[in-house]
Amino acid sequence: MDIKQKLKQMIIEDLALEDVAIEDIEDDSPIFGESGLGLDSLDAVELVVVIQKHFGVRIKDMAKGREVFQSFNTLADFIQENVEQ
């Protein structure tokens, strides 16, 4: 399973998204907002914790978070660049 698939699975499970399947989520889909998964700021906090727990990657500020959480592509790229070896 590639990192994008793993991210999608983690988000669905850890944020308890009902009626959402991995194959329903496009790699370039926005993660937040109505055009994306519909996640809100509380989900963002939880998502930061989930990413740190699973990948050991920290998102340290809101500006970086906005950049990283644009889509699954940008999130996967950030994790691959910053994962602890």
PDB file of N, CA and C in Angstrom:
ATOM      1  N   MET A   1       0.856  -1.184   0.000  1.00  0.00           N
ATOM      2  CA  MET A   1       0.000   0.000   0.000  1.00  0.00           C
ATOM      3  C   MET A   1       0.900   1.245   0.000  1.00  0.00           C
ATOM      4  N   ASP A   2       0.664   2.149  -0.950  1.00  0.00           N
ATOM      5  CA  ASP A   2       1.501   3.345  -1.002  1.00  0.00           C
ATOM      6  C   ASP A   2       1.059   4.349   0.061  1.00  0.00           C
ATOM      7  N   ILE A   3       1.856   5.390   0.218  1.00  0.00           N
ATOM      8  CA  ILE A   3       1.626   6.335   1.319  1.00  0.00           C
ATOM      9  C   ILE A   3       0.271   7.037   1.191  1.00  0.00           C
ATOM     10  N   LYS A   4      -0.157   7.367  -0.021  1.00  0.00           N
ATOM     11  CA  LYS A   4      -1.451   8.043  -0.189  1.00  0.00           C
ATOM     12  C   LYS A   4      -2.594   7.129   0.217  1.00  0.00           C
ATOM     13  N   GLN A   5      -2.506   5.869  -0.161  1.00  0.00           N
ATOM     14  CA  GLN A   5      -3.544   4.909   0.226  1.00  0.00           C
ATOM     15  C   GLN A   5      -3.573   4.750   1.746  1.00  0.00           C
ATOM     16  N   LYS A   6      -2.376   4.653   2.339  1.00  0.00           N
ATOM     17  CA  LYS A   6      -2.281   4.520   3.794  1.00  0.00           C
ATOM     18  C   LYS A   6      -2.869   5.745   4.493  1.00  0.00           C
ATOM     19  N   LEU A   7      -2.573   6.939   3.980  1.00  0.00           N
ATOM     20  CA  LEU A   7      -3.127   8.168   4.544  1.00  0.00           C
ATOM     21  C   LEU A   7      -4.646   8.174   4.477  1.00  0.00           C
ATOM     22  N   LYS A   8      -5.175   7.811   3.332  1.00  0.00           N
ATOM     23  CA  LYS A   8      -6.628   7.789   3.161  1.00  0.00           C
ATOM     24  C   LYS A   8      -7.270   6.818   4.147  1.00  0.00           C
ATOM     25  N   GLN A   9      -6.673   5.635   4.278  1.00  0.00           N
ATOM     26  CA  GLN A   9      -7.204   4.629   5.198  1.00  0.00           C
ATOM     27  C   GLN A   9      -7.159   5.142   6.636  1.00  0.00           C
ATOM     28  N   MET A  10      -6.022   5.750   7.032  1.00  0.00           N
ATOM     29  CA  MET A  10      -5.879   6.281   8.385  1.00  0.00           C
ATOM     30  C   MET A  10      -6.902   7.370   8.668  1.00  0.00           C
ATOM     31  N   ILE A  11      -7.103   8.271   7.710  1.00  0.00           N
ATOM     32  CA  ILE A  11      -8.046   9.366   7.907  1.00  0.00           C
ATOM     33  C   ILE A  11      -9.462   8.830   8.047  1.00  0.00           C
ATOM     34  N   ILE A  12      -9.824   7.902   7.199  1.00  0.00           N
ATOM     35  CA  ILE A  12     -11.157   7.305   7.268  1.00  0.00           C
ATOM     36  C   ILE A  12     -11.369   6.633   8.626  1.00  0.00           C
ATOM     37  N   GLU A  13     -10.394   5.859   9.069  1.00  0.00           N
ATOM     38  CA  GLU A  13     -10.526   5.121  10.335  1.00  0.00           C
ATOM     39  C   GLU A  13     -10.402   6.028  11.553  1.00  0.00           C
ATOM     40  N   ASP A  14      -9.329   6.829  11.604  1.00  0.00           N
ATOM     41  CA  ASP A  14      -9.047   7.615  12.808  1.00  0.00           C
ATOM     42  C   ASP A  14     -10.027   8.776  13.000  1.00  0.00           C
ATOM     43  N   LEU A  15     -10.585   9.299  11.917  1.00  0.00           N
ATOM     44  CA  LEU A  15     -11.553  10.385  12.034  1.00  0.00           C
ATOM     45  C   LEU A  15     -12.986   9.872  11.904  1.00  0.00           C
ATOM     46  N   ALA A  16     -13.129   8.558  11.852  1.00  0.00           N
ATOM     47  CA  ALA A  16     -14.442   7.900  11.814  1.00  0.00           C
ATOM     48  C   ALA A  16     -15.353   8.474  10.728  1.00  0.00           C
ATOM     49  N   LEU A  17     -14.807   8.533   9.510  1.00  0.00           N
ATOM     50  CA  LEU A  17     -15.600   9.025   8.383  1.00  0.00           C
ATOM     51  C   LEU A  17     -16.474   7.894   7.868  1.00  0.00           C
ATOM     52  N   GLU A  18     -17.761   8.067   8.033  1.00  0.00           N
ATOM     53  CA  GLU A  18     -18.698   7.040   7.576  1.00  0.00           C
ATOM     54  C   GLU A  18     -19.031   7.296   6.113  1.00  0.00           C
ATOM     55  N   ASP A  19     -19.336   6.245   5.406  1.00  0.00           N
ATOM     56  CA  ASP A  19     -19.739   6.336   4.001  1.00  0.00           C
ATOM     57  C   ASP A  19     -18.657   6.906   3.098  1.00  0.00           C
ATOM     58  N   VAL A  20     -17.380   6.779   3.490  1.00  0.00           N
ATOM     59  CA  VAL A  20     -16.272   7.210   2.644  1.00  0.00           C
ATOM     60  C   VAL A  20     -15.363   6.001   2.453  1.00  0.00           C
ATOM     61  N   ALA A  21     -15.043   5.701   1.186  1.00  0.00           N
ATOM     62  CA  ALA A  21     -14.130   4.600   0.869  1.00  0.00           C
ATOM     63  C   ALA A  21     -12.855   5.183   0.256  1.00  0.00           C
ATOM     64  N   ILE A  22     -11.761   4.456   0.379  1.00  0.00           N
ATOM     65  CA  ILE A  22     -10.484   4.908  -0.172  1.00  0.00           C
ATOM     66  C   ILE A  22     -10.632   5.278  -1.639  1.00  0.00           C
ATOM     67  N   GLU A  23     -11.343   4.424  -2.388  1.00  0.00           N
ATOM     68  CA  GLU A  23     -11.460   4.677  -3.821  1.00  0.00           C
ATOM     69  C   GLU A  23     -12.332   5.887  -4.157  1.00  0.00           C
ATOM     70  N   ASP A  24     -13.050   6.421  -3.172  1.00  0.00           N
ATOM     71  CA  ASP A  24     -13.857   7.626  -3.386  1.00  0.00           C
ATOM     72  C   ASP A  24     -13.008   8.902  -3.343  1.00  0.00           C
ATOM     73  N   ILE A  25     -11.781   8.801  -2.834  1.00  0.00           N
ATOM     74  CA  ILE A  25     -10.943   9.972  -2.598  1.00  0.00           C
ATOM     75  C   ILE A  25      -9.862  10.054  -3.677  1.00  0.00           C
ATOM     76  N   GLU A  26      -9.895  11.146  -4.432  1.00  0.00           N
ATOM     77  CA  GLU A  26      -8.865  11.394  -5.448  1.00  0.00           C
ATOM     78  C   GLU A  26      -7.601  11.932  -4.771  1.00  0.00           C
ATOM     79  N   ASP A  27      -6.433  11.619  -5.349  1.00  0.00           N
ATOM     80  CA  ASP A  27      -5.166  12.077  -4.769  1.00  0.00           C
ATOM     81  C   ASP A  27      -5.062  13.599  -4.711  1.00  0.00           C
ATOM     82  N   ASP A  28      -5.655  14.285  -5.677  1.00  0.00           N
ATOM     83  CA  ASP A  28      -5.565  15.742  -5.687  1.00  0.00           C
ATOM     84  C   ASP A  28      -6.792  16.414  -5.058  1.00  0.00           C
ATOM     85  N   SER A  29      -7.638  15.613  -4.403  1.00  0.00           N
ATOM     86  CA  SER A  29      -8.808  16.163  -3.712  1.00  0.00           C
ATOM     87  C   SER A  29      -8.371  17.009  -2.525  1.00  0.00           C
ATOM     88  N   PRO A  30      -9.058  18.137  -2.304  1.00  0.00           N
ATOM     89  CA  PRO A  30      -8.780  18.910  -1.090  1.00  0.00           C
ATOM     90  C   PRO A  30      -9.173  18.084   0.138  1.00  0.00           C
ATOM     91  N   ILE A  31      -8.421  18.231   1.196  1.00  0.00           N
ATOM     92  CA  ILE A  31      -8.719  17.490   2.423  1.00  0.00           C
ATOM     93  C   ILE A  31      -9.785  18.228   3.233  1.00  0.00           C
ATOM     94  N   PHE A  32      -9.738  19.560   3.213  1.00  0.00           N
ATOM     95  CA  PHE A  32     -10.673  20.371   3.983  1.00  0.00           C
ATOM     96  C   PHE A  32     -11.625  21.122   3.066  1.00  0.00           C
ATOM     97  N   GLY A  33     -12.744  21.551   3.627  1.00  0.00           N
ATOM     98  CA  GLY A  33     -13.715  22.329   2.878  1.00  0.00           C
ATOM     99  C   GLY A  33     -14.773  21.459   2.227  1.00  0.00           C
ATOM    100  N   GLU A  34     -15.788  22.113   1.735  1.00  0.00           N
ATOM    101  CA  GLU A  34     -16.925  21.399   1.161  1.00  0.00           C
ATOM    102  C   GLU A  34     -16.580  20.635  -0.113  1.00  0.00           C
ATOM    103  N   SER A  35     -15.587  21.117  -0.861  1.00  0.00           N
ATOM    104  CA  SER A  35     -15.214  20.409  -2.089  1.00  0.00           C
ATOM    105  C   SER A  35     -14.322  19.211  -1.801  1.00  0.00           C
ATOM    106  N   GLY A  36     -13.861  19.078  -0.567  1.00  0.00           N
ATOM    107  CA  GLY A  36     -13.024  17.949  -0.182  1.00  0.00           C
ATOM    108  C   GLY A  36     -13.794  16.964   0.673  1.00  0.00           C
ATOM    109  N   LEU A  37     -13.166  16.512   1.734  1.00  0.00           N
ATOM    110  CA  LEU A  37     -13.802  15.557   2.642  1.00  0.00           C
ATOM    111  C   LEU A  37     -14.744  16.243   3.635  1.00  0.00           C
ATOM    112  N   GLY A  38     -14.747  17.564   3.627  1.00  0.00           N
ATOM    113  CA  GLY A  38     -15.617  18.283   4.549  1.00  0.00           C
ATOM    114  C   GLY A  38     -15.074  18.348   5.960  1.00  0.00           C
ATOM    115  N   LEU A  39     -13.778  18.154   6.121  1.00  0.00           N
ATOM    116  CA  LEU A  39     -13.177  18.204   7.451  1.00  0.00           C
ATOM    117  C   LEU A  39     -13.094  19.646   7.930  1.00  0.00           C
ATOM    118  N   ASP A  40     -13.097  19.828   9.259  1.00  0.00           N
ATOM    119  CA  ASP A  40     -13.050  21.166   9.834  1.00  0.00           C
ATOM    120  C   ASP A  40     -11.796  21.337  10.690  1.00  0.00           C
ATOM    121  N   SER A  41     -11.712  22.447  11.409  1.00  0.00           N
ATOM    122  CA  SER A  41     -10.505  22.758  12.183  1.00  0.00           C
ATOM    123  C   SER A  41     -10.262  21.760  13.312  1.00  0.00           C
ATOM    124  N   LEU A  42     -11.305  21.221  13.900  1.00  0.00           N
ATOM    125  CA  LEU A  42     -11.109  20.197  14.936  1.00  0.00           C
ATOM    126  C   LEU A  42     -10.513  18.931  14.320  1.00  0.00           C
ATOM    127  N   ASP A  43     -10.970  18.586  13.132  1.00  0.00           N
ATOM    128  CA  ASP A  43     -10.391  17.438  12.424  1.00  0.00           C
ATOM    129  C   ASP A  43      -8.926  17.698  12.099  1.00  0.00           C
ATOM    130  N   ALA A  44      -8.588  18.954  11.800  1.00  0.00           N
ATOM    131  CA  ALA A  44      -7.202  19.300  11.476  1.00  0.00           C
ATOM    132  C   ALA A  44      -6.280  19.000  12.649  1.00  0.00           C
ATOM    133  N   VAL A  45      -6.715  19.367  13.840  1.00  0.00           N
ATOM    134  CA  VAL A  45      -5.912  19.100  15.048  1.00  0.00           C
ATOM    135  C   VAL A  45      -5.727  17.592  15.214  1.00  0.00           C
ATOM    136  N   GLU A  46      -6.799  16.863  15.069  1.00  0.00           N
ATOM    137  CA  GLU A  46      -6.721  15.409  15.203  1.00  0.00           C
ATOM    138  C   GLU A  46      -5.832  14.805  14.116  1.00  0.00           C
ATOM    139  N   LEU A  47      -5.924  15.329  12.910  1.00  0.00           N
ATOM    140  CA  LEU A  47      -5.118  14.825  11.799  1.00  0.00           C
ATOM    141  C   LEU A  47      -3.633  15.051  12.038  1.00  0.00           C
ATOM    142  N   VAL A  48      -3.276  16.198  12.605  1.00  0.00           N
ATOM    143  CA  VAL A  48      -1.872  16.482  12.936  1.00  0.00           C
ATOM    144  C   VAL A  48      -1.354  15.429  13.923  1.00  0.00           C
ATOM    145  N   VAL A  49      -2.157  15.093  14.918  1.00  0.00           N
ATOM    146  CA  VAL A  49      -1.776  14.083  15.913  1.00  0.00           C
ATOM    147  C   VAL A  49      -1.636  12.707  15.265  1.00  0.00           C
ATOM    148  N   VAL A  50      -2.572  12.349  14.402  1.00  0.00           N
ATOM    149  CA  VAL A  50      -2.545  11.046  13.713  1.00  0.00           C
ATOM    150  C   VAL A  50      -1.284  10.923  12.857  1.00  0.00           C
ATOM    151  N   ILE A  51      -0.939  11.966  12.140  1.00  0.00           N
ATOM    152  CA  ILE A  51       0.249  11.932  11.278  1.00  0.00           C
ATOM    153  C   ILE A  51       1.510  11.805  12.121  1.00  0.00           C
ATOM    154  N   GLN A  52       1.561  12.523  13.221  1.00  0.00           N
ATOM    155  CA  GLN A  52       2.732  12.418  14.102  1.00  0.00           C
ATOM    156  C   GLN A  52       2.837  11.008  14.687  1.00  0.00           C
ATOM    157  N   LYS A  53       1.706  10.453  15.088  1.00  0.00           N
ATOM    158  CA  LYS A  53       1.701   9.115  15.697  1.00  0.00           C
ATOM    159  C   LYS A  53       2.132   8.039  14.693  1.00  0.00           C
ATOM    160  N   HIS A  54       1.600   8.095  13.501  1.00  0.00           N
ATOM    161  CA  HIS A  54       1.866   7.044  12.520  1.00  0.00           C
ATOM    162  C   HIS A  54       3.190   7.205  11.775  1.00  0.00           C
ATOM    163  N   PHE A  55       3.604   8.456  11.538  1.00  0.00           N
ATOM    164  CA  PHE A  55       4.783   8.690  10.701  1.00  0.00           C
ATOM    165  C   PHE A  55       5.926   9.380  11.428  1.00  0.00           C
ATOM    166  N   GLY A  56       5.693   9.889  12.639  1.00  0.00           N
ATOM    167  CA  GLY A  56       6.734  10.604  13.371  1.00  0.00           C
ATOM    168  C   GLY A  56       7.050  11.956  12.755  1.00  0.00           C
ATOM    169  N   VAL A  57       6.109  12.515  12.003  1.00  0.00           N
ATOM    170  CA  VAL A  57       6.309  13.793  11.323  1.00  0.00           C
ATOM    171  C   VAL A  57       5.481  14.856  12.026  1.00  0.00           C
ATOM    172  N   ARG A  58       6.112  15.991  12.306  1.00  0.00           N
ATOM    173  CA  ARG A  58       5.424  17.089  12.992  1.00  0.00           C
ATOM    174  C   ARG A  58       5.142  18.227  12.011  1.00  0.00           C
ATOM    175  N   ILE A  59       3.968  18.786  12.138  1.00  0.00           N
ATOM    176  CA  ILE A  59       3.608  19.993  11.399  1.00  0.00           C
ATOM    177  C   ILE A  59       3.580  21.086  12.446  1.00  0.00           C
ATOM    178  N   LYS A  60       4.561  21.997  12.368  1.00  0.00           N
ATOM    179  CA  LYS A  60       4.836  22.882  13.495  1.00  0.00           C
ATOM    180  C   LYS A  60       4.046  24.173  13.527  1.00  0.00           C
ATOM    181  N   ASP A  61       3.520  24.626  12.406  1.00  0.00           N
ATOM    182  CA  ASP A  61       2.766  25.877  12.446  1.00  0.00           C
ATOM    183  C   ASP A  61       1.604  25.853  11.460  1.00  0.00           C
ATOM    184  N   MET A  62       0.676  26.785  11.665  1.00  0.00           N
ATOM    185  CA  MET A  62      -0.543  26.803  10.861  1.00  0.00           C
ATOM    186  C   MET A  62      -0.265  27.115   9.395  1.00  0.00           C
ATOM    187  N   ALA A  63       0.700  27.988   9.132  1.00  0.00           N
ATOM    188  CA  ALA A  63       1.006  28.335   7.737  1.00  0.00           C
ATOM    189  C   ALA A  63       1.496  27.098   6.990  1.00  0.00           C
ATOM    190  N   LYS A  64       2.367  26.345   7.619  1.00  0.00           N
ATOM    191  CA  LYS A  64       2.859  25.114   7.006  1.00  0.00           C
ATOM    192  C   LYS A  64       1.718  24.110   6.878  1.00  0.00           C
ATOM    193  N   GLY A  65       0.855  24.035   7.871  1.00  0.00           N
ATOM    194  CA  GLY A  65      -0.285  23.124   7.832  1.00  0.00           C
ATOM    195  C   GLY A  65      -1.203  23.411   6.662  1.00  0.00           C
ATOM    196  N   ARG A  66      -1.477  24.694   6.403  1.00  0.00           N
ATOM    197  CA  ARG A  66      -2.332  25.056   5.268  1.00  0.00           C
ATOM    198  C   ARG A  66      -1.706  24.590   3.958  1.00  0.00           C
ATOM    199  N   GLU A  67      -0.391  24.732   3.854  1.00  0.00           N
ATOM    200  CA  GLU A  67       0.331  24.302   2.651  1.00  0.00           C
ATOM    201  C   GLU A  67       0.298  22.774   2.511  1.00  0.00           C
ATOM    202  N   VAL A  68       0.564  22.083   3.588  1.00  0.00           N
ATOM    203  CA  VAL A  68       0.657  20.622   3.590  1.00  0.00           C
ATOM    204  C   VAL A  68      -0.701  19.970   3.339  1.00  0.00           C
ATOM    205  N   PHE A  69      -1.759  20.530   3.915  1.00  0.00           N
ATOM    206  CA  PHE A  69      -3.084  19.918   3.832  1.00  0.00           C
ATOM    207  C   PHE A  69      -3.898  20.351   2.609  1.00  0.00           C
ATOM    208  N   GLN A  70      -3.237  20.825   1.567  1.00  0.00           N
ATOM    209  CA  GLN A  70      -3.941  21.192   0.334  1.00  0.00           C
ATOM    210  C   GLN A  70      -4.644  19.989  -0.278  1.00  0.00           C
ATOM    211  N   SER A  71      -3.934  18.857  -0.333  1.00  0.00           N
ATOM    212  CA  SER A  71      -4.483  17.641  -0.953  1.00  0.00           C
ATOM    213  C   SER A  71      -3.723  16.434  -0.414  1.00  0.00           C
ATOM    214  N   PHE A  72      -4.154  15.261  -0.820  1.00  0.00           N
ATOM    215  CA  PHE A  72      -3.425  14.056  -0.414  1.00  0.00           C
ATOM    216  C   PHE A  72      -2.046  14.020  -1.056  1.00  0.00           C
ATOM    217  N   ASN A  73      -1.919  14.564  -2.257  1.00  0.00           N
ATOM    218  CA  ASN A  73      -0.613  14.638  -2.911  1.00  0.00           C
ATOM    219  C   ASN A  73       0.362  15.476  -2.092  1.00  0.00           C
ATOM    220  N   THR A  74      -0.061  16.679  -1.656  1.00  0.00           N
ATOM    221  CA  THR A  74       0.850  17.547  -0.906  1.00  0.00           C
ATOM    222  C   THR A  74       1.156  16.959   0.471  1.00  0.00           C
ATOM    223  N   LEU A  75       0.187  16.316   1.086  1.00  0.00           N
ATOM    224  CA  LEU A  75       0.409  15.692   2.389  1.00  0.00           C
ATOM    225  C   LEU A  75       1.378  14.517   2.278  1.00  0.00           C
ATOM    226  N   ALA A  76       1.191  13.682   1.278  1.00  0.00           N
ATOM    227  CA  ALA A  76       2.091  12.534   1.074  1.00  0.00           C
ATOM    228  C   ALA A  76       3.508  13.006   0.775  1.00  0.00           C
ATOM    229  N   ASP A  77       3.648  14.042  -0.047  1.00  0.00           N
ATOM    230  CA  ASP A  77       4.981  14.579  -0.364  1.00  0.00           C
ATOM    231  C   ASP A  77       5.668  15.092   0.898  1.00  0.00           C
ATOM    232  N   PHE A  78       4.929  15.825   1.730  1.00  0.00           N
ATOM    233  CA  PHE A  78       5.495  16.352   2.975  1.00  0.00           C
ATOM    234  C   PHE A  78       5.957  15.219   3.881  1.00  0.00           C
ATOM    235  N   ILE A  79       5.144  14.199   4.029  1.00  0.00           N
ATOM    236  CA  ILE A  79       5.511  13.073   4.892  1.00  0.00           C
ATOM    237  C   ILE A  79       6.741  12.367   4.354  1.00  0.00           C
ATOM    238  N   GLN A  80       6.796  12.118   3.063  1.00  0.00           N
ATOM    239  CA  GLN A  80       7.956  11.439   2.480  1.00  0.00           C
ATOM    240  C   GLN A  80       9.226  12.250   2.666  1.00  0.00           C
ATOM    241  N   GLU A  81       9.123  13.566   2.571  1.00  0.00           N
ATOM    242  CA  GLU A  81      10.298  14.435   2.744  1.00  0.00           C
ATOM    243  C   GLU A  81      10.756  14.538   4.195  1.00  0.00           C
ATOM    244  N   ASN A  82       9.843  14.308   5.135  1.00  0.00           N
ATOM    245  CA  ASN A  82      10.152  14.580   6.551  1.00  0.00           C
ATOM    246  C   ASN A  82      10.088  13.377   7.476  1.00  0.00           C
ATOM    247  N   VAL A  83       9.813  12.214   6.952  1.00  0.00           N
ATOM    248  CA  VAL A  83       9.670  11.040   7.809  1.00  0.00           C
ATOM    249  C   VAL A  83      10.989  10.741   8.518  1.00  0.00           C
ATOM    250  N   GLU A  84      10.875  10.386   9.786  1.00  0.00           N
ATOM    251  CA  GLU A  84      12.076  10.044  10.567  1.00  0.00           C
ATOM    252  C   GLU A  84      12.591   8.696  10.118  1.00  0.00           C
ATOM    253  N   GLN A  85      13.855   8.673   9.789  1.00  0.00           N
ATOM    254  CA  GLN A  85      14.472   7.417   9.316  1.00  0.00           C
ATOM    255  C   GLN A  85      14.903   6.561  10.488  1.00  0.00           C
TER     256      GLN A  85
END
